N, C-alpha and C. Protein backbone atom coordinates (compact mmCIF):
# COMPACT_ATOMS: atom_id res chain seq x y z
N MET A 1 -56.93 8.84 40.88
CA MET A 1 -58.23 8.43 40.40
C MET A 1 -58.97 7.64 41.48
N LEU A 2 -58.19 6.90 42.27
CA LEU A 2 -58.83 6.13 43.33
C LEU A 2 -59.44 7.07 44.38
N ASP A 3 -58.66 8.06 44.81
CA ASP A 3 -59.15 8.98 45.84
C ASP A 3 -60.36 9.77 45.38
N LEU A 4 -60.34 10.22 44.12
CA LEU A 4 -61.40 11.08 43.62
C LEU A 4 -62.62 10.33 43.11
N TYR A 5 -62.36 9.22 42.40
CA TYR A 5 -63.45 8.56 41.69
C TYR A 5 -63.60 7.07 42.00
N GLY A 6 -62.75 6.56 42.87
CA GLY A 6 -62.84 5.14 43.22
C GLY A 6 -62.35 4.22 42.12
N VAL A 7 -61.59 4.74 41.17
CA VAL A 7 -61.09 3.94 40.05
C VAL A 7 -59.71 3.39 40.42
N GLU A 8 -59.62 2.09 40.54
CA GLU A 8 -58.35 1.45 40.89
C GLU A 8 -57.51 1.21 39.64
N ARG A 9 -56.21 1.31 39.81
CA ARG A 9 -55.24 0.98 38.75
C ARG A 9 -55.55 1.72 37.44
N ALA A 10 -55.88 2.97 37.57
CA ALA A 10 -56.32 3.77 36.41
C ALA A 10 -55.24 3.90 35.35
N THR A 11 -53.98 3.83 35.75
CA THR A 11 -52.90 4.02 34.77
C THR A 11 -52.36 2.71 34.22
N ASP A 12 -52.93 1.57 34.63
CA ASP A 12 -52.48 0.29 34.07
C ASP A 12 -52.62 0.32 32.55
N HIS A 13 -51.56 -0.07 31.88
CA HIS A 13 -51.52 -0.15 30.41
C HIS A 13 -51.66 1.21 29.73
N VAL A 14 -51.37 2.27 30.44
CA VAL A 14 -51.38 3.62 29.86
C VAL A 14 -49.94 4.10 29.82
N ARG A 15 -49.48 4.45 28.65
CA ARG A 15 -48.12 4.97 28.52
C ARG A 15 -48.12 6.44 28.92
N VAL A 16 -47.39 6.74 29.97
CA VAL A 16 -47.34 8.13 30.44
C VAL A 16 -46.11 8.85 29.90
N ALA A 17 -45.06 8.12 29.54
CA ALA A 17 -43.83 8.74 29.04
C ALA A 17 -44.13 9.54 27.79
N GLY A 18 -43.75 10.81 27.82
CA GLY A 18 -43.94 11.66 26.66
C GLY A 18 -45.30 12.33 26.59
N GLY A 19 -46.21 11.92 27.45
CA GLY A 19 -47.53 12.54 27.48
C GLY A 19 -47.48 13.86 28.23
N THR A 20 -48.48 14.67 28.04
CA THR A 20 -48.58 15.91 28.82
C THR A 20 -49.58 15.68 29.94
N ASP A 21 -49.37 16.35 31.06
CA ASP A 21 -50.27 16.15 32.19
C ASP A 21 -51.74 16.38 31.82
N PRO A 22 -52.06 17.48 31.12
CA PRO A 22 -53.48 17.67 30.77
C PRO A 22 -54.03 16.57 29.85
N ALA A 23 -53.24 16.14 28.87
CA ALA A 23 -53.70 15.10 27.95
C ALA A 23 -53.86 13.76 28.68
N LEU A 24 -52.94 13.46 29.58
CA LEU A 24 -53.05 12.22 30.34
C LEU A 24 -54.26 12.25 31.26
N ALA A 25 -54.49 13.39 31.91
CA ALA A 25 -55.67 13.51 32.78
C ALA A 25 -56.94 13.31 31.96
N ARG A 26 -57.01 13.95 30.80
CA ARG A 26 -58.18 13.81 29.93
C ARG A 26 -58.39 12.34 29.54
N ALA A 27 -57.30 11.68 29.13
CA ALA A 27 -57.40 10.29 28.70
C ALA A 27 -57.83 9.37 29.84
N LEU A 28 -57.31 9.59 31.03
CA LEU A 28 -57.69 8.75 32.17
C LEU A 28 -59.16 8.92 32.54
N LEU A 29 -59.61 10.16 32.50
CA LEU A 29 -61.03 10.42 32.80
C LEU A 29 -61.93 9.74 31.77
N VAL A 30 -61.63 9.92 30.51
CA VAL A 30 -62.43 9.32 29.44
C VAL A 30 -62.42 7.79 29.57
N ARG A 31 -61.25 7.24 29.81
CA ARG A 31 -61.12 5.79 29.96
C ARG A 31 -61.98 5.26 31.10
N ALA A 32 -62.13 6.07 32.15
CA ALA A 32 -62.93 5.66 33.31
C ALA A 32 -64.41 6.01 33.15
N GLY A 33 -64.76 6.60 32.01
CA GLY A 33 -66.16 6.95 31.76
C GLY A 33 -66.61 8.19 32.50
N ILE A 34 -65.68 9.04 32.85
CA ILE A 34 -65.98 10.27 33.59
C ILE A 34 -65.86 11.44 32.62
N PRO A 35 -66.83 12.34 32.59
CA PRO A 35 -66.73 13.50 31.69
C PRO A 35 -65.43 14.28 31.92
N ALA A 36 -64.70 14.50 30.86
CA ALA A 36 -63.39 15.15 30.96
C ALA A 36 -63.51 16.65 30.72
N ASP A 37 -64.33 17.30 31.52
CA ASP A 37 -64.45 18.75 31.39
C ASP A 37 -63.30 19.43 32.13
N ASP A 38 -63.17 20.74 31.96
CA ASP A 38 -62.04 21.47 32.55
C ASP A 38 -61.99 21.29 34.06
N HIS A 39 -63.14 21.33 34.72
CA HIS A 39 -63.17 21.18 36.18
C HIS A 39 -62.63 19.81 36.59
N ALA A 40 -63.05 18.76 35.92
CA ALA A 40 -62.60 17.40 36.26
C ALA A 40 -61.10 17.26 36.02
N ILE A 41 -60.61 17.83 34.94
CA ILE A 41 -59.17 17.77 34.65
C ILE A 41 -58.39 18.52 35.71
N GLU A 42 -58.82 19.72 36.05
CA GLU A 42 -58.13 20.51 37.09
C GLU A 42 -58.15 19.78 38.43
N ARG A 43 -59.24 19.18 38.75
CA ARG A 43 -59.37 18.45 40.01
C ARG A 43 -58.43 17.25 40.04
N LEU A 44 -58.39 16.51 38.94
CA LEU A 44 -57.50 15.35 38.87
C LEU A 44 -56.04 15.77 38.93
N LEU A 45 -55.68 16.84 38.24
CA LEU A 45 -54.29 17.30 38.25
C LEU A 45 -53.89 17.81 39.64
N ALA A 46 -54.78 18.48 40.34
CA ALA A 46 -54.48 18.93 41.71
C ALA A 46 -54.24 17.73 42.62
N SER A 47 -55.05 16.69 42.46
CA SER A 47 -54.88 15.47 43.24
C SER A 47 -53.54 14.81 42.91
N TYR A 48 -53.20 14.78 41.63
CA TYR A 48 -51.93 14.20 41.19
C TYR A 48 -50.75 14.94 41.82
N LEU A 49 -50.77 16.27 41.81
CA LEU A 49 -49.67 17.04 42.37
C LEU A 49 -49.51 16.79 43.87
N ALA A 50 -50.62 16.70 44.58
CA ALA A 50 -50.57 16.41 46.01
C ALA A 50 -49.98 15.02 46.25
N HIS A 51 -50.39 14.05 45.43
CA HIS A 51 -49.88 12.69 45.52
C HIS A 51 -48.39 12.65 45.19
N LEU A 52 -47.98 13.39 44.17
CA LEU A 52 -46.57 13.44 43.76
C LEU A 52 -45.70 13.94 44.91
N GLN A 53 -46.15 14.99 45.58
CA GLN A 53 -45.40 15.53 46.73
C GLN A 53 -45.20 14.45 47.79
N VAL A 54 -46.25 13.70 48.10
CA VAL A 54 -46.17 12.66 49.12
C VAL A 54 -45.22 11.55 48.68
N VAL A 55 -45.36 11.09 47.45
CA VAL A 55 -44.51 10.01 46.94
C VAL A 55 -43.04 10.41 46.98
N LEU A 56 -42.75 11.65 46.62
CA LEU A 56 -41.34 12.07 46.54
C LEU A 56 -40.74 12.39 47.91
N GLU A 57 -41.51 12.23 48.96
CA GLU A 57 -40.94 12.32 50.30
C GLU A 57 -40.11 11.07 50.60
N THR A 58 -40.42 9.96 49.93
CA THR A 58 -39.69 8.71 50.17
C THR A 58 -38.96 8.18 48.94
N ARG A 59 -39.21 8.74 47.79
CA ARG A 59 -38.52 8.33 46.56
C ARG A 59 -38.03 9.59 45.87
N ARG A 60 -37.20 9.41 44.84
CA ARG A 60 -36.77 10.59 44.12
C ARG A 60 -36.52 10.26 42.65
N TYR A 61 -36.47 11.32 41.87
CA TYR A 61 -36.09 11.21 40.47
C TYR A 61 -34.57 11.31 40.38
N TYR A 62 -34.02 10.68 39.34
CA TYR A 62 -32.58 10.75 39.11
C TYR A 62 -32.34 11.23 37.69
N PRO A 63 -31.40 12.17 37.53
CA PRO A 63 -31.10 12.63 36.17
C PRO A 63 -30.43 11.52 35.35
N ILE A 64 -30.59 11.62 34.05
CA ILE A 64 -29.93 10.68 33.15
C ILE A 64 -28.59 11.29 32.78
N GLY A 65 -27.55 10.93 33.51
CA GLY A 65 -26.22 11.45 33.24
C GLY A 65 -25.99 12.80 33.90
N ASP A 66 -25.09 13.56 33.29
CA ASP A 66 -24.63 14.82 33.86
C ASP A 66 -25.40 16.01 33.29
N VAL A 67 -26.65 16.11 33.65
CA VAL A 67 -27.49 17.21 33.16
C VAL A 67 -26.91 18.57 33.55
N PRO A 68 -26.52 18.78 34.81
CA PRO A 68 -25.96 20.10 35.15
C PRO A 68 -24.70 20.43 34.35
N GLY A 69 -23.86 19.43 34.11
CA GLY A 69 -22.64 19.65 33.33
C GLY A 69 -22.93 20.04 31.90
N VAL A 70 -23.91 19.38 31.29
CA VAL A 70 -24.29 19.70 29.91
C VAL A 70 -24.86 21.11 29.84
N VAL A 71 -25.78 21.43 30.74
CA VAL A 71 -26.40 22.76 30.74
C VAL A 71 -25.33 23.83 30.97
N SER A 72 -24.44 23.59 31.92
CA SER A 72 -23.36 24.54 32.19
C SER A 72 -22.46 24.71 30.97
N GLY A 73 -22.12 23.60 30.33
CA GLY A 73 -21.28 23.65 29.13
C GLY A 73 -21.93 24.43 28.01
N LEU A 74 -23.24 24.28 27.85
CA LEU A 74 -23.95 25.03 26.82
C LEU A 74 -23.96 26.52 27.15
N ARG A 75 -24.23 26.84 28.40
CA ARG A 75 -24.27 28.26 28.80
C ARG A 75 -22.90 28.91 28.65
N GLU A 76 -21.84 28.17 28.96
CA GLU A 76 -20.48 28.69 28.80
C GLU A 76 -20.19 29.05 27.34
N ARG A 77 -20.88 28.39 26.43
CA ARG A 77 -20.70 28.65 25.00
C ARG A 77 -21.74 29.62 24.45
N GLY A 78 -22.48 30.26 25.35
CA GLY A 78 -23.44 31.29 24.94
C GLY A 78 -24.79 30.78 24.51
N VAL A 79 -25.08 29.51 24.77
CA VAL A 79 -26.36 28.92 24.37
C VAL A 79 -27.41 29.23 25.44
N LYS A 80 -28.57 29.68 24.99
CA LYS A 80 -29.70 29.86 25.90
C LYS A 80 -30.37 28.51 26.08
N VAL A 81 -30.57 28.12 27.32
CA VAL A 81 -31.14 26.80 27.62
C VAL A 81 -32.54 26.99 28.19
N GLY A 82 -33.50 26.34 27.57
CA GLY A 82 -34.87 26.37 28.05
C GLY A 82 -35.31 24.99 28.44
N LEU A 83 -36.53 24.90 28.88
CA LEU A 83 -37.10 23.64 29.32
C LEU A 83 -38.49 23.53 28.72
N ALA A 84 -38.79 22.39 28.12
CA ALA A 84 -40.14 22.13 27.61
C ALA A 84 -40.56 20.77 28.15
N THR A 85 -41.62 20.76 28.92
CA THR A 85 -42.08 19.51 29.54
C THR A 85 -43.59 19.47 29.58
N GLY A 86 -44.11 18.28 29.44
CA GLY A 86 -45.55 18.10 29.53
C GLY A 86 -46.07 18.21 30.95
N ASN A 87 -45.16 18.28 31.91
CA ASN A 87 -45.59 18.47 33.30
C ASN A 87 -46.17 19.85 33.49
N LEU A 88 -47.12 19.98 34.39
CA LEU A 88 -47.54 21.30 34.82
C LEU A 88 -46.31 21.99 35.41
N ARG A 89 -46.28 23.31 35.39
CA ARG A 89 -45.12 24.03 35.91
C ARG A 89 -44.82 23.60 37.35
N SER A 90 -45.84 23.51 38.19
CA SER A 90 -45.60 23.12 39.59
C SER A 90 -45.12 21.68 39.68
N GLY A 91 -45.59 20.81 38.82
CA GLY A 91 -45.11 19.44 38.79
C GLY A 91 -43.67 19.36 38.34
N ALA A 92 -43.31 20.17 37.35
CA ALA A 92 -41.92 20.22 36.89
C ALA A 92 -41.01 20.69 38.02
N GLN A 93 -41.46 21.68 38.76
CA GLN A 93 -40.68 22.20 39.88
C GLN A 93 -40.46 21.10 40.93
N ILE A 94 -41.50 20.36 41.23
CA ILE A 94 -41.40 19.27 42.21
C ILE A 94 -40.42 18.21 41.73
N LYS A 95 -40.54 17.80 40.46
CA LYS A 95 -39.68 16.74 39.93
C LYS A 95 -38.24 17.20 39.79
N LEU A 96 -38.03 18.42 39.31
CA LEU A 96 -36.66 18.94 39.20
C LEU A 96 -36.00 19.03 40.57
N ALA A 97 -36.74 19.48 41.57
CA ALA A 97 -36.20 19.56 42.93
C ALA A 97 -35.82 18.15 43.42
N SER A 98 -36.67 17.17 43.16
CA SER A 98 -36.40 15.80 43.57
C SER A 98 -35.12 15.27 42.94
N ALA A 99 -34.87 15.64 41.70
CA ALA A 99 -33.68 15.17 40.98
C ALA A 99 -32.45 16.03 41.25
N GLY A 100 -32.60 17.07 42.07
CA GLY A 100 -31.48 17.96 42.34
C GLY A 100 -31.16 18.88 41.18
N LEU A 101 -32.15 19.16 40.33
CA LEU A 101 -31.92 19.95 39.12
C LEU A 101 -32.66 21.28 39.10
N LEU A 102 -33.32 21.64 40.18
CA LEU A 102 -34.12 22.87 40.16
C LEU A 102 -33.26 24.09 39.88
N SER A 103 -32.05 24.14 40.41
CA SER A 103 -31.19 25.30 40.17
C SER A 103 -30.51 25.25 38.80
N THR A 104 -30.63 24.13 38.10
CA THR A 104 -30.01 23.99 36.78
C THR A 104 -30.81 24.72 35.70
N PHE A 105 -32.11 24.77 35.85
CA PHE A 105 -32.99 25.36 34.85
C PHE A 105 -33.73 26.57 35.42
N SER A 106 -34.02 27.53 34.56
CA SER A 106 -34.88 28.64 34.94
C SER A 106 -36.29 28.30 34.46
N LEU A 107 -37.21 28.19 35.38
CA LEU A 107 -38.59 27.89 34.98
C LEU A 107 -39.19 29.05 34.19
N ASP A 108 -38.61 30.21 34.30
CA ASP A 108 -39.09 31.35 33.51
C ASP A 108 -38.76 31.20 32.03
N HIS A 109 -37.85 30.28 31.70
CA HIS A 109 -37.47 30.01 30.32
C HIS A 109 -38.01 28.65 29.88
N GLY A 110 -39.25 28.37 30.25
CA GLY A 110 -39.79 27.06 29.93
C GLY A 110 -41.20 27.10 29.41
N GLY A 111 -41.61 25.98 28.86
CA GLY A 111 -42.98 25.74 28.45
C GLY A 111 -43.45 24.50 29.18
N PHE A 112 -44.71 24.50 29.62
CA PHE A 112 -45.19 23.46 30.51
C PHE A 112 -46.58 22.97 30.10
N GLY A 113 -46.97 21.83 30.65
CA GLY A 113 -48.30 21.31 30.42
C GLY A 113 -49.38 22.27 30.91
N SER A 114 -49.02 23.16 31.81
CA SER A 114 -49.99 24.16 32.27
C SER A 114 -50.16 25.29 31.25
N ASP A 115 -49.27 25.34 30.24
CA ASP A 115 -49.40 26.33 29.17
C ASP A 115 -50.24 25.82 28.01
N ALA A 116 -50.16 24.52 27.75
CA ALA A 116 -50.84 23.94 26.59
C ALA A 116 -50.94 22.43 26.79
N GLU A 117 -51.84 21.82 26.06
CA GLU A 117 -51.99 20.36 26.14
C GLU A 117 -51.12 19.67 25.09
N ALA A 118 -50.96 20.28 23.93
CA ALA A 118 -50.16 19.68 22.87
C ALA A 118 -48.68 19.97 23.09
N ARG A 119 -47.86 18.94 22.96
CA ARG A 119 -46.43 19.08 23.23
C ARG A 119 -45.78 20.12 22.30
N ALA A 120 -46.14 20.18 21.05
CA ALA A 120 -45.54 21.17 20.15
C ALA A 120 -45.84 22.59 20.62
N ASP A 121 -47.03 22.82 21.14
CA ASP A 121 -47.37 24.14 21.66
C ASP A 121 -46.57 24.47 22.92
N ILE A 122 -46.27 23.45 23.70
CA ILE A 122 -45.43 23.64 24.88
C ILE A 122 -44.03 24.05 24.45
N VAL A 123 -43.49 23.40 23.43
CA VAL A 123 -42.17 23.76 22.92
C VAL A 123 -42.19 25.18 22.36
N ARG A 124 -43.23 25.53 21.64
CA ARG A 124 -43.35 26.91 21.12
C ARG A 124 -43.33 27.93 22.27
N GLN A 125 -44.02 27.62 23.35
CA GLN A 125 -44.06 28.53 24.50
C GLN A 125 -42.67 28.65 25.12
N ALA A 126 -41.95 27.55 25.23
CA ALA A 126 -40.59 27.59 25.76
C ALA A 126 -39.69 28.45 24.88
N ILE A 127 -39.85 28.33 23.57
CA ILE A 127 -39.05 29.14 22.64
C ILE A 127 -39.36 30.62 22.84
N LEU A 128 -40.63 30.96 22.96
CA LEU A 128 -41.01 32.36 23.18
C LEU A 128 -40.40 32.92 24.46
N ARG A 129 -40.35 32.11 25.50
CA ARG A 129 -39.83 32.58 26.78
C ARG A 129 -38.31 32.58 26.84
N CYS A 130 -37.69 31.71 26.07
CA CYS A 130 -36.24 31.54 26.16
C CYS A 130 -35.49 32.28 25.07
N ALA A 131 -36.00 32.21 23.86
CA ALA A 131 -35.27 32.77 22.72
C ALA A 131 -36.25 33.36 21.71
N PRO A 132 -36.91 34.45 22.08
CA PRO A 132 -37.92 35.02 21.19
C PRO A 132 -37.36 35.64 19.91
N ASP A 133 -36.03 35.75 19.81
CA ASP A 133 -35.40 36.42 18.67
C ASP A 133 -35.24 35.52 17.45
N GLY A 134 -35.84 34.35 17.45
CA GLY A 134 -35.72 33.47 16.29
C GLY A 134 -34.41 32.70 16.26
N ALA A 135 -33.90 32.33 17.40
CA ALA A 135 -32.65 31.58 17.49
C ALA A 135 -32.82 30.18 16.92
N THR A 136 -31.69 29.55 16.60
CA THR A 136 -31.70 28.15 16.21
C THR A 136 -32.13 27.34 17.42
N VAL A 137 -33.04 26.39 17.20
CA VAL A 137 -33.57 25.61 18.31
C VAL A 137 -33.16 24.15 18.17
N VAL A 138 -32.71 23.58 19.27
CA VAL A 138 -32.42 22.15 19.35
C VAL A 138 -33.30 21.59 20.46
N VAL A 139 -34.08 20.58 20.14
CA VAL A 139 -34.91 19.90 21.13
C VAL A 139 -34.19 18.64 21.55
N VAL A 140 -34.01 18.47 22.85
CA VAL A 140 -33.43 17.25 23.41
C VAL A 140 -34.56 16.53 24.11
N GLY A 141 -34.75 15.26 23.78
CA GLY A 141 -35.85 14.52 24.39
C GLY A 141 -35.62 13.03 24.38
N ASP A 142 -36.48 12.32 25.09
CA ASP A 142 -36.30 10.87 25.21
C ASP A 142 -37.48 10.05 24.71
N THR A 143 -38.44 10.71 24.04
CA THR A 143 -39.58 9.96 23.48
C THR A 143 -39.88 10.43 22.07
N LYS A 144 -40.67 9.62 21.37
CA LYS A 144 -41.09 10.00 20.02
C LYS A 144 -41.90 11.29 20.04
N HIS A 145 -42.57 11.56 21.13
CA HIS A 145 -43.37 12.79 21.24
C HIS A 145 -42.47 14.02 21.22
N ASP A 146 -41.28 13.90 21.80
CA ASP A 146 -40.31 15.00 21.76
C ASP A 146 -39.84 15.23 20.33
N VAL A 147 -39.61 14.14 19.60
CA VAL A 147 -39.18 14.24 18.20
C VAL A 147 -40.29 14.91 17.38
N GLU A 148 -41.51 14.48 17.55
CA GLU A 148 -42.63 15.07 16.81
C GLU A 148 -42.78 16.56 17.11
N ALA A 149 -42.64 16.93 18.37
CA ALA A 149 -42.74 18.34 18.75
C ALA A 149 -41.59 19.14 18.15
N GLY A 150 -40.41 18.58 18.16
CA GLY A 150 -39.25 19.24 17.55
C GLY A 150 -39.45 19.46 16.06
N ARG A 151 -39.99 18.46 15.39
CA ARG A 151 -40.28 18.60 13.95
C ARG A 151 -41.30 19.71 13.72
N ALA A 152 -42.29 19.80 14.58
CA ALA A 152 -43.35 20.80 14.41
C ALA A 152 -42.82 22.23 14.51
N VAL A 153 -41.69 22.41 15.19
CA VAL A 153 -41.11 23.76 15.32
C VAL A 153 -39.82 23.90 14.49
N GLN A 154 -39.60 22.96 13.58
CA GLN A 154 -38.43 22.97 12.70
C GLN A 154 -37.10 23.01 13.45
N ALA A 155 -37.02 22.24 14.52
CA ALA A 155 -35.80 22.18 15.32
C ALA A 155 -34.96 20.97 14.95
N ARG A 156 -33.71 21.03 15.29
CA ARG A 156 -32.86 19.84 15.26
C ARG A 156 -33.24 19.05 16.51
N ILE A 157 -33.30 17.73 16.40
CA ILE A 157 -33.71 16.91 17.53
C ILE A 157 -32.60 15.93 17.91
N VAL A 158 -32.22 15.98 19.18
CA VAL A 158 -31.25 15.04 19.72
C VAL A 158 -31.97 14.17 20.75
N GLY A 159 -32.00 12.88 20.49
CA GLY A 159 -32.65 11.96 21.40
C GLY A 159 -31.68 11.42 22.44
N VAL A 160 -32.19 11.18 23.63
CA VAL A 160 -31.41 10.53 24.69
C VAL A 160 -32.09 9.19 24.94
N ALA A 161 -31.39 8.12 24.59
CA ALA A 161 -31.97 6.77 24.67
C ALA A 161 -31.27 5.97 25.76
N THR A 162 -32.02 5.56 26.75
CA THR A 162 -31.44 4.79 27.85
C THR A 162 -31.64 3.29 27.68
N SER A 163 -32.22 2.89 26.55
CA SER A 163 -32.40 1.47 26.26
C SER A 163 -32.43 1.29 24.74
N GLU A 164 -32.29 0.05 24.31
CA GLU A 164 -32.37 -0.23 22.87
C GLU A 164 -33.78 0.05 22.34
N GLU A 165 -34.78 -0.23 23.15
CA GLU A 165 -36.16 0.06 22.75
C GLU A 165 -36.36 1.56 22.53
N ALA A 166 -35.83 2.36 23.45
CA ALA A 166 -35.94 3.82 23.31
C ALA A 166 -35.16 4.30 22.09
N ARG A 167 -34.00 3.73 21.85
CA ARG A 167 -33.19 4.10 20.68
C ARG A 167 -33.97 3.81 19.40
N ALA A 168 -34.58 2.63 19.32
CA ALA A 168 -35.35 2.26 18.14
C ALA A 168 -36.53 3.22 17.94
N GLU A 169 -37.21 3.57 19.03
CA GLU A 169 -38.35 4.49 18.93
C GLU A 169 -37.89 5.86 18.42
N LEU A 170 -36.79 6.36 18.97
CA LEU A 170 -36.27 7.68 18.56
C LEU A 170 -35.80 7.65 17.10
N MET A 171 -35.17 6.55 16.68
CA MET A 171 -34.73 6.42 15.29
C MET A 171 -35.92 6.41 14.36
N THR A 172 -36.92 5.61 14.69
CA THR A 172 -38.12 5.51 13.86
C THR A 172 -38.84 6.86 13.77
N ALA A 173 -38.85 7.59 14.87
CA ALA A 173 -39.51 8.90 14.88
C ALA A 173 -38.74 9.96 14.10
N GLY A 174 -37.45 9.70 13.85
CA GLY A 174 -36.67 10.62 13.03
C GLY A 174 -35.77 11.59 13.77
N ALA A 175 -35.28 11.20 14.94
CA ALA A 175 -34.33 12.07 15.64
C ALA A 175 -33.10 12.28 14.76
N ASP A 176 -32.55 13.49 14.79
CA ASP A 176 -31.37 13.79 13.98
C ASP A 176 -30.12 13.13 14.52
N ALA A 177 -30.06 12.95 15.83
CA ALA A 177 -28.94 12.28 16.48
C ALA A 177 -29.48 11.64 17.76
N ILE A 178 -28.78 10.61 18.22
CA ILE A 178 -29.18 9.92 19.44
C ILE A 178 -27.94 9.64 20.28
N VAL A 179 -28.03 9.96 21.56
CA VAL A 179 -26.96 9.67 22.50
C VAL A 179 -27.51 8.77 23.61
N ASP A 180 -26.60 8.18 24.38
CA ASP A 180 -27.02 7.24 25.43
C ASP A 180 -27.33 7.91 26.76
N THR A 181 -26.77 9.10 26.99
CA THR A 181 -26.94 9.76 28.27
C THR A 181 -26.61 11.25 28.11
N CYS A 182 -26.87 12.01 29.13
CA CYS A 182 -26.51 13.43 29.12
C CYS A 182 -25.05 13.54 29.54
N GLY A 183 -24.23 13.94 28.61
CA GLY A 183 -22.80 14.06 28.85
C GLY A 183 -22.14 14.73 27.66
N GLU A 184 -20.86 14.45 27.46
CA GLU A 184 -20.08 15.09 26.40
C GLU A 184 -20.68 14.85 25.01
N ALA A 185 -21.17 13.64 24.75
CA ALA A 185 -21.76 13.35 23.43
C ALA A 185 -22.99 14.23 23.18
N LEU A 186 -23.80 14.42 24.20
CA LEU A 186 -24.97 15.28 24.05
C LEU A 186 -24.54 16.72 23.82
N LEU A 187 -23.56 17.18 24.56
CA LEU A 187 -23.05 18.54 24.38
C LEU A 187 -22.59 18.74 22.94
N ARG A 188 -21.83 17.78 22.41
CA ARG A 188 -21.36 17.87 21.02
C ARG A 188 -22.51 17.91 20.02
N GLU A 189 -23.51 17.05 20.24
CA GLU A 189 -24.64 17.00 19.29
C GLU A 189 -25.50 18.25 19.32
N VAL A 190 -25.69 18.83 20.49
CA VAL A 190 -26.47 20.07 20.58
C VAL A 190 -25.74 21.19 19.88
N LEU A 191 -24.43 21.20 19.98
CA LEU A 191 -23.62 22.26 19.38
C LEU A 191 -23.32 22.03 17.90
N ALA A 192 -23.64 20.84 17.39
CA ALA A 192 -23.32 20.50 15.98
C ALA A 192 -24.03 21.40 15.00
């Protein structure tokens, strides 16, 4: 926002966890008094992706637990694993690569913020790409927005809570089960 519009600290007091890139871009533009038309949103998101690339040259994302082990364990049991994220597809690719998880997921079996602005629609798109045959769906997520999206598609929801605050939020939102990290407990809950 600073580079494009001269708005400093645009994300102060804005919760980004669980938001989708398009919805966050729209909210930031509106908050700054800038018309949130498609062009402005696309321009802001392009700037964000360029900034993300630069930032991740010196920092990185870290997975919460053994994500590759859980995904591998699910696949060994015949489970189709998809990805649903509010990130644009290119942003998801950048973040997954930073966390060392790009080879863990097939982006062709995912739904992204570049597909839709609403998280439930993103999950629906992931289901269409991953399991169009009407398979049982389990949504794994770490925010109330993931729980809400899972409910919208009639999925079982397993929350991953890395803090007591996150656990309380997931419980209040109605997650079916909550684990502390990606590991054996998550594998068991997804398969339950």
